[in-house]
Amino acid sequence: MPKAELHLHLDGSLRVETAIELARTRGVDAPLDVEGMRAELVAPMPCHDQVELLRYNNVVSDAAKREGRTLEALGVDPVTMAAIVPSYLWRFRKTGQFQGPVSVI
């Protein structure tokens, strides 16, 4: 059965030179030199958490902005990941969803 890629990270999946060519031919407001594009696309290693990783790979083309294909244009009020992670990931704390170890009765 054919498969479709639904989620793909650009770093490691797309050559920096290919990203530059795509940006150049599609009018994307992005760096057009190797070092600049690498800084935009490749998260620093090691990347310690999802919030740090999401600071990269977020490029919106000028065409998308002109055509209103942005979160704001869709009525979405973006909130930084850092604002929601503490409550979103509460159950993944070192001690789980509890503040400390649970005593067994």
PDB file of N, CA and C in Angstrom:
ATOM      1  N   MET A   1       0.849  -1.179   0.000  1.00  0.00           N
ATOM      2  CA  MET A   1       0.000   0.000   0.000  1.00  0.00           C
ATOM      3  C   MET A   1       0.897   1.246   0.000  1.00  0.00           C
ATOM      4  N   PRO A   2       0.630   2.221  -0.858  1.00  0.00           N
ATOM      5  CA  PRO A   2       1.428   3.453  -0.889  1.00  0.00           C
ATOM      6  C   PRO A   2       1.314   4.216   0.427  1.00  0.00           C
ATOM      7  N   LYS A   3       2.387   4.870   0.797  1.00  0.00           N
ATOM      8  CA  LYS A   3       2.427   5.651   2.035  1.00  0.00           C
ATOM      9  C   LYS A   3       2.655   7.118   1.696  1.00  0.00           C
ATOM     10  N   ALA A   4       2.177   7.982   2.560  1.00  0.00           N
ATOM     11  CA  ALA A   4       2.401   9.420   2.412  1.00  0.00           C
ATOM     12  C   ALA A   4       3.143   9.918   3.639  1.00  0.00           C
ATOM     13  N   GLU A   5       4.082  10.813   3.420  1.00  0.00           N
ATOM     14  CA  GLU A   5       4.817  11.415   4.529  1.00  0.00           C
ATOM     15  C   GLU A   5       3.945  12.522   5.113  1.00  0.00           C
ATOM     16  N   LEU A   6       3.560  12.373   6.370  1.00  0.00           N
ATOM     17  CA  LEU A   6       2.689  13.360   6.997  1.00  0.00           C
ATOM     18  C   LEU A   6       3.451  14.347   7.866  1.00  0.00           C
ATOM     19  N   HIS A   7       4.632  13.957   8.281  1.00  0.00           N
ATOM     20  CA  HIS A   7       5.408  14.807   9.177  1.00  0.00           C
ATOM     21  C   HIS A   7       6.882  14.578   8.879  1.00  0.00           C
ATOM     22  N   LEU A   8       7.590  15.633   8.532  1.00  0.00           N
ATOM     23  CA  LEU A   8       8.987  15.484   8.148  1.00  0.00           C
ATOM     24  C   LEU A   8       9.772  16.686   8.643  1.00  0.00           C
ATOM     25  N   HIS A   9      10.861  16.438   9.331  1.00  0.00           N
ATOM     26  CA  HIS A   9      11.743  17.522   9.760  1.00  0.00           C
ATOM     27  C   HIS A   9      12.708  17.834   8.628  1.00  0.00           C
ATOM     28  N   LEU A  10      12.900  19.109   8.349  1.00  0.00           N
ATOM     29  CA  LEU A  10      13.761  19.498   7.242  1.00  0.00           C
ATOM     30  C   LEU A  10      15.221  19.194   7.514  1.00  0.00           C
ATOM     31  N   ASP A  11      15.680  19.403   8.751  1.00  0.00           N
ATOM     32  CA  ASP A  11      17.087  19.120   9.006  1.00  0.00           C
ATOM     33  C   ASP A  11      17.322  17.617   8.938  1.00  0.00           C
ATOM     34  N   GLY A  12      18.232  17.251   8.083  1.00  0.00           N
ATOM     35  CA  GLY A  12      18.525  15.842   7.867  1.00  0.00           C
ATOM     36  C   GLY A  12      17.722  15.231   6.731  1.00  0.00           C
ATOM     37  N   SER A  13      16.698  15.910   6.241  1.00  0.00           N
ATOM     38  CA  SER A  13      15.863  15.385   5.165  1.00  0.00           C
ATOM     39  C   SER A  13      16.016  16.169   3.868  1.00  0.00           C
ATOM     40  N   LEU A  14      16.593  17.340   3.964  1.00  0.00           N
ATOM     41  CA  LEU A  14      16.706  18.231   2.816  1.00  0.00           C
ATOM     42  C   LEU A  14      18.099  18.842   2.811  1.00  0.00           C
ATOM     43  N   ARG A  15      18.825  18.685   1.706  1.00  0.00           N
ATOM     44  CA  ARG A  15      20.138  19.303   1.608  1.00  0.00           C
ATOM     45  C   ARG A  15      19.999  20.818   1.699  1.00  0.00           C
ATOM     46  N   VAL A  16      20.935  21.458   2.366  1.00  0.00           N
ATOM     47  CA  VAL A  16      20.909  22.918   2.506  1.00  0.00           C
ATOM     48  C   VAL A  16      20.893  23.576   1.134  1.00  0.00           C
ATOM     49  N   GLU A  17      21.669  23.037   0.199  1.00  0.00           N
ATOM     50  CA  GLU A  17      21.712  23.594  -1.158  1.00  0.00           C
ATOM     51  C   GLU A  17      20.347  23.496  -1.850  1.00  0.00           C
ATOM     52  N   THR A  18      19.620  22.420  -1.592  1.00  0.00           N
ATOM     53  CA  THR A  18      18.270  22.271  -2.161  1.00  0.00           C
ATOM     54  C   THR A  18      17.331  23.301  -1.555  1.00  0.00           C
ATOM     55  N   ALA A  19      17.446  23.529  -0.253  1.00  0.00           N
ATOM     56  CA  ALA A  19      16.610  24.532   0.411  1.00  0.00           C
ATOM     57  C   ALA A  19      16.870  25.921  -0.162  1.00  0.00           C
ATOM     58  N   ILE A  20      18.132  26.217  -0.429  1.00  0.00           N
ATOM     59  CA  ILE A  20      18.480  27.515  -1.031  1.00  0.00           C
ATOM     60  C   ILE A  20      17.850  27.645  -2.410  1.00  0.00           C
ATOM     61  N   GLU A  21      17.963  26.594  -3.216  1.00  0.00           N
ATOM     62  CA  GLU A  21      17.383  26.629  -4.562  1.00  0.00           C
ATOM     63  C   GLU A  21      15.856  26.782  -4.497  1.00  0.00           C
ATOM     64  N   LEU A  22      15.217  26.078  -3.605  1.00  0.00           N
ATOM     65  CA  LEU A  22      13.757  26.200  -3.449  1.00  0.00           C
ATOM     66  C   LEU A  22      13.376  27.609  -3.002  1.00  0.00           C
ATOM     67  N   ALA A  23      14.130  28.164  -2.067  1.00  0.00           N
ATOM     68  CA  ALA A  23      13.849  29.530  -1.602  1.00  0.00           C
ATOM     69  C   ALA A  23      14.030  30.528  -2.736  1.00  0.00           C
ATOM     70  N   ARG A  24      15.100  30.354  -3.508  1.00  0.00           N
ATOM     71  CA  ARG A  24      15.391  31.277  -4.609  1.00  0.00           C
ATOM     72  C   ARG A  24      14.302  31.210  -5.684  1.00  0.00           C
ATOM     73  N   THR A  25      13.887  30.020  -6.080  1.00  0.00           N
ATOM     74  CA  THR A  25      12.931  29.884  -7.179  1.00  0.00           C
ATOM     75  C   THR A  25      11.496  30.173  -6.770  1.00  0.00           C
ATOM     76  N   ARG A  26      11.231  30.149  -5.479  1.00  0.00           N
ATOM     77  CA  ARG A  26       9.857  30.382  -5.019  1.00  0.00           C
ATOM     78  C   ARG A  26       9.680  31.710  -4.284  1.00  0.00           C
ATOM     79  N   GLY A  27      10.725  32.495  -4.237  1.00  0.00           N
ATOM     80  CA  GLY A  27      10.630  33.816  -3.625  1.00  0.00           C
ATOM     81  C   GLY A  27      10.445  33.790  -2.122  1.00  0.00           C
ATOM     82  N   VAL A  28      10.977  32.780  -1.462  1.00  0.00           N
ATOM     83  CA  VAL A  28      10.860  32.685  -0.007  1.00  0.00           C
ATOM     84  C   VAL A  28      11.876  33.621   0.633  1.00  0.00           C
ATOM     85  N   ASP A  29      11.428  34.374   1.619  1.00  0.00           N
ATOM     86  CA  ASP A  29      12.314  35.283   2.339  1.00  0.00           C
ATOM     87  C   ASP A  29      13.144  34.456   3.314  1.00  0.00           C
ATOM     88  N   ALA A  30      14.276  33.951   2.827  1.00  0.00           N
ATOM     89  CA  ALA A  30      15.159  33.107   3.624  1.00  0.00           C
ATOM     90  C   ALA A  30      16.589  33.359   3.163  1.00  0.00           C
ATOM     91  N   PRO A  31      17.560  33.037   3.999  1.00  0.00           N
ATOM     92  CA  PRO A  31      18.951  33.224   3.594  1.00  0.00           C
ATOM     93  C   PRO A  31      19.263  32.441   2.317  1.00  0.00           C
ATOM     94  N   LEU A  32      20.073  33.025   1.452  1.00  0.00           N
ATOM     95  CA  LEU A  32      20.412  32.367   0.192  1.00  0.00           C
ATOM     96  C   LEU A  32      21.874  31.937   0.140  1.00  0.00           C
ATOM     97  N   ASP A  33      22.508  31.870   1.316  1.00  0.00           N
ATOM     98  CA  ASP A  33      23.875  31.350   1.391  1.00  0.00           C
ATOM     99  C   ASP A  33      23.859  30.118   2.304  1.00  0.00           C
ATOM    100  N   VAL A  34      24.850  29.259   2.135  1.00  0.00           N
ATOM    101  CA  VAL A  34      24.868  27.974   2.841  1.00  0.00           C
ATOM    102  C   VAL A  34      24.850  28.159   4.352  1.00  0.00           C
ATOM    103  N   GLU A  35      25.730  28.991   4.876  1.00  0.00           N
ATOM    104  CA  GLU A  35      25.788  29.153   6.338  1.00  0.00           C
ATOM    105  C   GLU A  35      24.503  29.763   6.895  1.00  0.00           C
ATOM    106  N   GLY A  36      23.946  30.751   6.198  1.00  0.00           N
ATOM    107  CA  GLY A  36      22.702  31.372   6.660  1.00  0.00           C
ATOM    108  C   GLY A  36      21.535  30.401   6.646  1.00  0.00           C
ATOM    109  N   MET A  37      21.414  29.624   5.569  1.00  0.00           N
ATOM    110  CA  MET A  37      20.323  28.658   5.473  1.00  0.00           C
ATOM    111  C   MET A  37      20.497  27.551   6.507  1.00  0.00           C
ATOM    112  N   ARG A  38      21.740  27.100   6.688  1.00  0.00           N
ATOM    113  CA  ARG A  38      21.989  26.055   7.691  1.00  0.00           C
ATOM    114  C   ARG A  38      21.568  26.553   9.080  1.00  0.00           C
ATOM    115  N   ALA A  39      21.853  27.801   9.389  1.00  0.00           N
ATOM    116  CA  ALA A  39      21.465  28.369  10.682  1.00  0.00           C
ATOM    117  C   ALA A  39      19.947  28.403  10.839  1.00  0.00           C
ATOM    118  N   GLU A  40      19.219  28.598   9.735  1.00  0.00           N
ATOM    119  CA  GLU A  40      17.749  28.620   9.778  1.00  0.00           C
ATOM    120  C   GLU A  40      17.140  27.236   9.901  1.00  0.00           C
ATOM    121  N   LEU A  41      17.738  26.256   9.252  1.00  0.00           N
ATOM    122  CA  LEU A  41      17.120  24.939   9.141  1.00  0.00           C
ATOM    123  C   LEU A  41      17.585  23.898  10.143  1.00  0.00           C
ATOM    124  N   VAL A  42      18.824  23.976  10.554  1.00  0.00           N
ATOM    125  CA  VAL A  42      19.392  22.895  11.351  1.00  0.00           C
ATOM    126  C   VAL A  42      19.447  23.304  12.813  1.00  0.00           C
ATOM    127  N   ALA A  43      18.729  22.566  13.629  1.00  0.00           N
ATOM    128  CA  ALA A  43      18.725  22.835  15.063  1.00  0.00           C
ATOM    129  C   ALA A  43      20.090  22.477  15.645  1.00  0.00           C
ATOM    130  N   PRO A  44      20.513  23.205  16.663  1.00  0.00           N
ATOM    131  CA  PRO A  44      21.811  22.892  17.260  1.00  0.00           C
ATOM    132  C   PRO A  44      21.780  21.528  17.934  1.00  0.00           C
ATOM    133  N   MET A  45      22.904  20.858  17.913  1.00  0.00           N
ATOM    134  CA  MET A  45      22.990  19.553  18.556  1.00  0.00           C
ATOM    135  C   MET A  45      23.909  19.654  19.755  1.00  0.00           C
ATOM    136  N   PRO A  46      23.641  19.041  20.854  1.00  0.00           N
ATOM    137  CA  PRO A  46      22.376  18.327  21.053  1.00  0.00           C
ATOM    138  C   PRO A  46      21.248  19.298  21.347  1.00  0.00           C
ATOM    139  N   CYS A  47      20.080  18.975  20.898  1.00  0.00           N
ATOM    140  CA  CYS A  47      18.888  19.787  21.151  1.00  0.00           C
ATOM    141  C   CYS A  47      18.196  19.162  22.369  1.00  0.00           C
ATOM    142  N   HIS A  48      18.107  19.901  23.434  1.00  0.00           N
ATOM    143  CA  HIS A  48      17.678  19.323  24.704  1.00  0.00           C
ATOM    144  C   HIS A  48      16.174  19.205  24.879  1.00  0.00           C
ATOM    145  N   ASP A  49      15.399  19.995  24.158  1.00  0.00           N
ATOM    146  CA  ASP A  49      13.956  19.885  24.338  1.00  0.00           C
ATOM    147  C   ASP A  49      13.198  20.363  23.098  1.00  0.00           C
ATOM    148  N   GLN A  50      11.927  20.064  23.057  1.00  0.00           N
ATOM    149  CA  GLN A  50      11.066  20.390  21.919  1.00  0.00           C
ATOM    150  C   GLN A  50      10.946  21.896  21.712  1.00  0.00           C
ATOM    151  N   VAL A  51      10.901  22.669  22.787  1.00  0.00           N
ATOM    152  CA  VAL A  51      10.800  24.122  22.659  1.00  0.00           C
ATOM    153  C   VAL A  51      12.015  24.664  21.917  1.00  0.00           C
ATOM    154  N   GLU A  52      13.199  24.184  22.277  1.00  0.00           N
ATOM    155  CA  GLU A  52      14.419  24.619  21.592  1.00  0.00           C
ATOM    156  C   GLU A  52      14.382  24.221  20.117  1.00  0.00           C
ATOM    157  N   LEU A  53      13.946  23.013  19.825  1.00  0.00           N
ATOM    158  CA  LEU A  53      13.879  22.531  18.448  1.00  0.00           C
ATOM    159  C   LEU A  53      12.917  23.351  17.600  1.00  0.00           C
ATOM    160  N   LEU A  54      11.791  23.761  18.163  1.00  0.00           N
ATOM    161  CA  LEU A  54      10.779  24.492  17.404  1.00  0.00           C
ATOM    162  C   LEU A  54      11.180  25.932  17.085  1.00  0.00           C
ATOM    163  N   ARG A  55      12.324  26.377  17.575  1.00  0.00           N
ATOM    164  CA  ARG A  55      12.818  27.701  17.199  1.00  0.00           C
ATOM    165  C   ARG A  55      13.406  27.679  15.789  1.00  0.00           C
ATOM    166  N   TYR A  56      13.534  26.495  15.194  1.00  0.00           N
ATOM    167  CA  TYR A  56      14.120  26.312  13.871  1.00  0.00           C
ATOM    168  C   TYR A  56      13.071  25.736  12.926  1.00  0.00           C
ATOM    169  N   ASN A  57      13.362  25.724  11.631  1.00  0.00           N
ATOM    170  CA  ASN A  57      12.493  25.104  10.613  1.00  0.00           C
ATOM    171  C   ASN A  57      11.159  25.811  10.432  1.00  0.00           C
ATOM    172  N   ASN A  58      10.989  27.000  10.907  1.00  0.00           N
ATOM    173  CA  ASN A  58       9.707  27.684  10.797  1.00  0.00           C
ATOM    174  C   ASN A  58       9.826  28.834   9.810  1.00  0.00           C
ATOM    175  N   VAL A  59       9.688  28.515   8.531  1.00  0.00           N
ATOM    176  CA  VAL A  59       9.828  29.497   7.471  1.00  0.00           C
ATOM    177  C   VAL A  59       8.482  29.645   6.763  1.00  0.00           C
ATOM    178  N   VAL A  60       8.003  30.873   6.635  1.00  0.00           N
ATOM    179  CA  VAL A  60       6.765  31.148   5.909  1.00  0.00           C
ATOM    180  C   VAL A  60       7.136  31.973   4.686  1.00  0.00           C
ATOM    181  N   SER A  61       6.715  31.524   3.522  1.00  0.00           N
ATOM    182  CA  SER A  61       7.091  32.217   2.287  1.00  0.00           C
ATOM    183  C   SER A  61       6.368  33.557   2.162  1.00  0.00           C
ATOM    184  N   ASP A  62       6.967  34.445   1.379  1.00  0.00           N
ATOM    185  CA  ASP A  62       6.322  35.735   1.103  1.00  0.00           C
ATOM    186  C   ASP A  62       4.992  35.516   0.398  1.00  0.00           C
ATOM    187  N   ALA A  63       4.929  34.522  -0.493  1.00  0.00           N
ATOM    188  CA  ALA A  63       3.675  34.227  -1.203  1.00  0.00           C
ATOM    189  C   ALA A  63       2.587  33.823  -0.211  1.00  0.00           C
ATOM    190  N   ALA A  64       2.927  33.006   0.760  1.00  0.00           N
ATOM    191  CA  ALA A  64       1.939  32.589   1.761  1.00  0.00           C
ATOM    192  C   ALA A  64       1.460  33.798   2.555  1.00  0.00           C
ATOM    193  N   LYS A  65       2.378  34.700   2.866  1.00  0.00           N
ATOM    194  CA  LYS A  65       1.994  35.914   3.606  1.00  0.00           C
ATOM    195  C   LYS A  65       1.056  36.766   2.755  1.00  0.00           C
ATOM    196  N   ARG A  66       1.410  36.959   1.459  1.00  0.00           N
ATOM    197  CA  ARG A  66       0.566  37.772   0.562  1.00  0.00           C
ATOM    198  C   ARG A  66      -0.816  37.168   0.384  1.00  0.00           C
ATOM    199  N   GLU A  67      -0.874  35.848   0.308  1.00  0.00           N
ATOM    200  CA  GLU A  67      -2.138  35.155   0.055  1.00  0.00           C
ATOM    201  C   GLU A  67      -2.936  34.885   1.323  1.00  0.00           C
ATOM    202  N   GLY A  68      -2.424  35.345   2.455  1.00  0.00           N
ATOM    203  CA  GLY A  68      -3.150  35.172   3.705  1.00  0.00           C
ATOM    204  C   GLY A  68      -3.109  33.755   4.257  1.00  0.00           C
ATOM    205  N   ARG A  69      -2.075  33.001   3.923  1.00  0.00           N
ATOM    206  CA  ARG A  69      -1.939  31.637   4.434  1.00  0.00           C
ATOM    207  C   ARG A  69      -1.008  31.630   5.638  1.00  0.00           C
ATOM    208  N   THR A  70      -1.366  32.391   6.638  1.00  0.00           N
ATOM    209  CA  THR A  70      -0.596  32.449   7.880  1.00  0.00           C
ATOM    210  C   THR A  70      -1.531  32.133   9.039  1.00  0.00           C
ATOM    211  N   LEU A  71      -0.963  31.841  10.187  1.00  0.00           N
ATOM    212  CA  LEU A  71      -1.800  31.556  11.354  1.00  0.00           C
ATOM    213  C   LEU A  71      -2.696  32.745  11.688  1.00  0.00           C
ATOM    214  N   GLU A  72      -2.117  33.931  11.666  1.00  0.00           N
ATOM    215  CA  GLU A  72      -2.895  35.132  11.994  1.00  0.00           C
ATOM    216  C   GLU A  72      -4.050  35.329  11.021  1.00  0.00           C
ATOM    217  N   ALA A  73      -3.794  35.118   9.725  1.00  0.00           N
ATOM    218  CA  ALA A  73      -4.835  35.284   8.711  1.00  0.00           C
ATOM    219  C   ALA A  73      -5.956  34.268   8.886  1.00  0.00           C
ATOM    220  N   LEU A  74      -5.629  33.121   9.451  1.00  0.00           N
ATOM    221  CA  LEU A  74      -6.638  32.088   9.696  1.00  0.00           C
ATOM    222  C   LEU A  74      -7.355  32.279  11.032  1.00  0.00           C
ATOM    223  N   GLY A  75      -7.013  33.361  11.729  1.00  0.00           N
ATOM    224  CA  GLY A  75      -7.664  33.635  13.005  1.00  0.00           C
ATOM    225  C   GLY A  75      -7.054  32.887  14.176  1.00  0.00           C
ATOM    226  N   VAL A  76      -5.859  32.347  13.976  1.00  0.00           N
ATOM    227  CA  VAL A  76      -5.179  31.628  15.052  1.00  0.00           C
ATOM    228  C   VAL A  76      -4.261  32.601  15.767  1.00  0.00           C
ATOM    229  N   ASP A  77      -4.408  32.686  17.080  1.00  0.00           N
ATOM    230  CA  ASP A  77      -3.548  33.544  17.874  1.00  0.00           C
ATOM    231  C   ASP A  77      -2.412  32.682  18.409  1.00  0.00           C
ATOM    232  N   PRO A  78      -1.257  32.689  17.729  1.00  0.00           N
ATOM    233  CA  PRO A  78      -0.189  31.790  18.138  1.00  0.00           C
ATOM    234  C   PRO A  78       0.343  32.110  19.522  1.00  0.00           C
ATOM    235  N   VAL A  79       0.620  31.068  20.258  1.00  0.00           N
ATOM    236  CA  VAL A  79       1.201  31.181  21.595  1.00  0.00           C
ATOM    237  C   VAL A  79       2.515  30.423  21.551  1.00  0.00           C
ATOM    238  N   THR A  80       3.532  30.975  22.165  1.00  0.00           N
ATOM    239  CA  THR A  80       4.815  30.284  22.131  1.00  0.00           C
ATOM    240  C   THR A  80       4.720  28.952  22.859  1.00  0.00           C
ATOM    241  N   MET A  81       5.463  28.004  22.358  1.00  0.00           N
ATOM    242  CA  MET A  81       5.490  26.673  22.960  1.00  0.00           C
ATOM    243  C   MET A  81       5.937  26.747  24.421  1.00  0.00           C
ATOM    244  N   ALA A  82       6.860  27.658  24.718  1.00  0.00           N
ATOM    245  CA  ALA A  82       7.367  27.792  26.083  1.00  0.00           C
ATOM    246  C   ALA A  82       6.252  28.146  27.068  1.00  0.00           C
ATOM    247  N   ALA A  83       5.211  28.803  26.573  1.00  0.00           N
ATOM    248  CA  ALA A  83       4.107  29.190  27.458  1.00  0.00           C
ATOM    249  C   ALA A  83       3.218  28.016  27.841  1.00  0.00           C
ATOM    250  N   ILE A  84       3.155  26.993  27.001  1.00  0.00           N
ATOM    251  CA  ILE A  84       2.242  25.888  27.300  1.00  0.00           C
ATOM    252  C   ILE A  84       2.919  24.589  27.719  1.00  0.00           C
ATOM    253  N   VAL A  85       4.215  24.462  27.444  1.00  0.00           N
ATOM    254  CA  VAL A  85       4.894  23.199  27.743  1.00  0.00           C
ATOM    255  C   VAL A  85       4.781  22.779  29.205  1.00  0.00           C
ATOM    256  N   PRO A  86       4.972  23.683  30.173  1.00  0.00           N
ATOM    257  CA  PRO A  86       4.897  23.218  31.563  1.00  0.00           C
ATOM    258  C   PRO A  86       3.579  22.524  31.911  1.00  0.00           C
ATOM    259  N   SER A  87       2.467  23.001  31.375  1.00  0.00           N
ATOM    260  CA  SER A  87       1.195  22.342  31.676  1.00  0.00           C
ATOM    261  C   SER A  87       0.909  21.195  30.706  1.00  0.00           C
ATOM    262  N   TYR A  88       1.364  21.328  29.471  1.00  0.00           N
ATOM    263  CA  TYR A  88       1.115  20.301  28.467  1.00  0.00           C
ATOM    264  C   TYR A  88       1.863  19.012  28.779  1.00  0.00           C
ATOM    265  N   LEU A  89       3.068  19.129  29.275  1.00  0.00           N
ATOM    266  CA  LEU A  89       3.905  17.958  29.528  1.00  0.00           C
ATOM    267  C   LEU A  89       3.979  17.599  31.013  1.00  0.00           C
ATOM    268  N   TRP A  90       3.029  18.029  31.798  1.00  0.00           N
ATOM    269  CA  TRP A  90       3.088  17.807  33.246  1.00  0.00           C
ATOM    270  C   TRP A  90       3.216  16.339  33.609  1.00  0.00           C
ATOM    271  N   ARG A  91       2.590  15.467  32.878  1.00  0.00           N
ATOM    272  CA  ARG A  91       2.635  14.049  33.234  1.00  0.00           C
ATOM    273  C   ARG A  91       3.974  13.400  32.912  1.00  0.00           C
ATOM    274  N   PHE A  92       4.833  14.102  32.166  1.00  0.00           N
ATOM    275  CA  PHE A  92       6.131  13.546  31.813  1.00  0.00           C
ATOM    276  C   PHE A  92       7.258  14.038  32.726  1.00  0.00           C
ATOM    277  N   ARG A  93       6.891  14.688  33.836  1.00  0.00           N
ATOM    278  CA  ARG A  93       7.915  15.109  34.793  1.00  0.00           C
ATOM    279  C   ARG A  93       8.679  13.901  35.307  1.00  0.00           C
ATOM    280  N   LYS A  94       9.819  14.144  35.860  1.00  0.00           N
ATOM    281  CA  LYS A  94      10.650  13.053  36.359  1.00  0.00           C
ATOM    282  C   LYS A  94       9.885  12.148  37.320  1.00  0.00           C
ATOM    283  N   THR A  95       9.022  12.739  38.129  1.00  0.00           N
ATOM    284  CA  THR A  95       8.240  11.950  39.084  1.00  0.00           C
ATOM    285  C   THR A  95       6.828  11.691  38.566  1.00  0.00           C
ATOM    286  N   GLY A  96       6.620  11.840  37.272  1.00  0.00           N
ATOM    287  CA  GLY A  96       5.289  11.636  36.714  1.00  0.00           C
ATOM    288  C   GLY A  96       4.385  12.811  36.999  1.00  0.00           C
ATOM    289  N   GLN A  97       3.115  12.555  37.027  1.00  0.00           N
ATOM    290  CA  GLN A  97       2.165  13.650  37.241  1.00  0.00           C
ATOM    291  C   GLN A  97       2.121  14.114  38.688  1.00  0.00           C
ATOM    292  N   PHE A  98       2.843  13.429  39.555  1.00  0.00           N
ATOM    293  CA  PHE A  98       2.832  13.748  40.978  1.00  0.00           C
ATOM    294  C   PHE A  98       4.078  14.543  41.337  1.00  0.00           C
ATOM    295  N   GLN A  99       4.015  15.331  42.363  1.00  0.00           N
ATOM    296  CA  GLN A  99       5.141  16.153  42.782  1.00  0.00           C
ATOM    297  C   GLN A  99       6.289  15.323  43.339  1.00  0.00           C
ATOM    298  N   GLY A 100       5.993  14.210  43.909  1.00  0.00           N
ATOM    299  CA  GLY A 100       7.034  13.380  44.497  1.00  0.00           C
ATOM    300  C   GLY A 100       6.633  11.934  44.429  1.00  0.00           C
ATOM    301  N   PRO A 101       7.432  11.060  45.022  1.00  0.00           N
ATOM    302  CA  PRO A 101       7.109   9.635  45.011  1.00  0.00           C
ATOM    303  C   PRO A 101       5.769   9.371  45.707  1.00  0.00           C
ATOM    304  N   VAL A 102       5.078   8.382  45.214  1.00  0.00           N
ATOM    305  CA  VAL A 102       3.777   7.994  45.779  1.00  0.00           C
ATOM    306  C   VAL A 102       3.994   6.820  46.718  1.00  0.00           C
ATOM    307  N   SER A 103       3.432   6.919  47.907  1.00  0.00           N
ATOM    308  CA  SER A 103       3.572   5.792  48.834  1.00  0.00           C
ATOM    309  C   SER A 103       2.488   4.753  48.505  1.00  0.00           C
ATOM    310  N   VAL A 104       2.858   3.519  48.595  1.00  0.00           N
ATOM    311  CA  VAL A 104       1.931   2.422  48.326  1.00  0.00           C
ATOM    312  C   VAL A 104       1.318   1.980  49.641  1.00  0.00           C
ATOM    313  N   ILE A 105       0.016   1.835  49.661  1.00  0.00           N
ATOM    314  CA  ILE A 105      -0.686   1.427  50.884  1.00  0.00           C
ATOM    315  C   ILE A 105      -0.751  -0.081  50.971  1.00  0.00           C
TER     316      ILE A 105
END
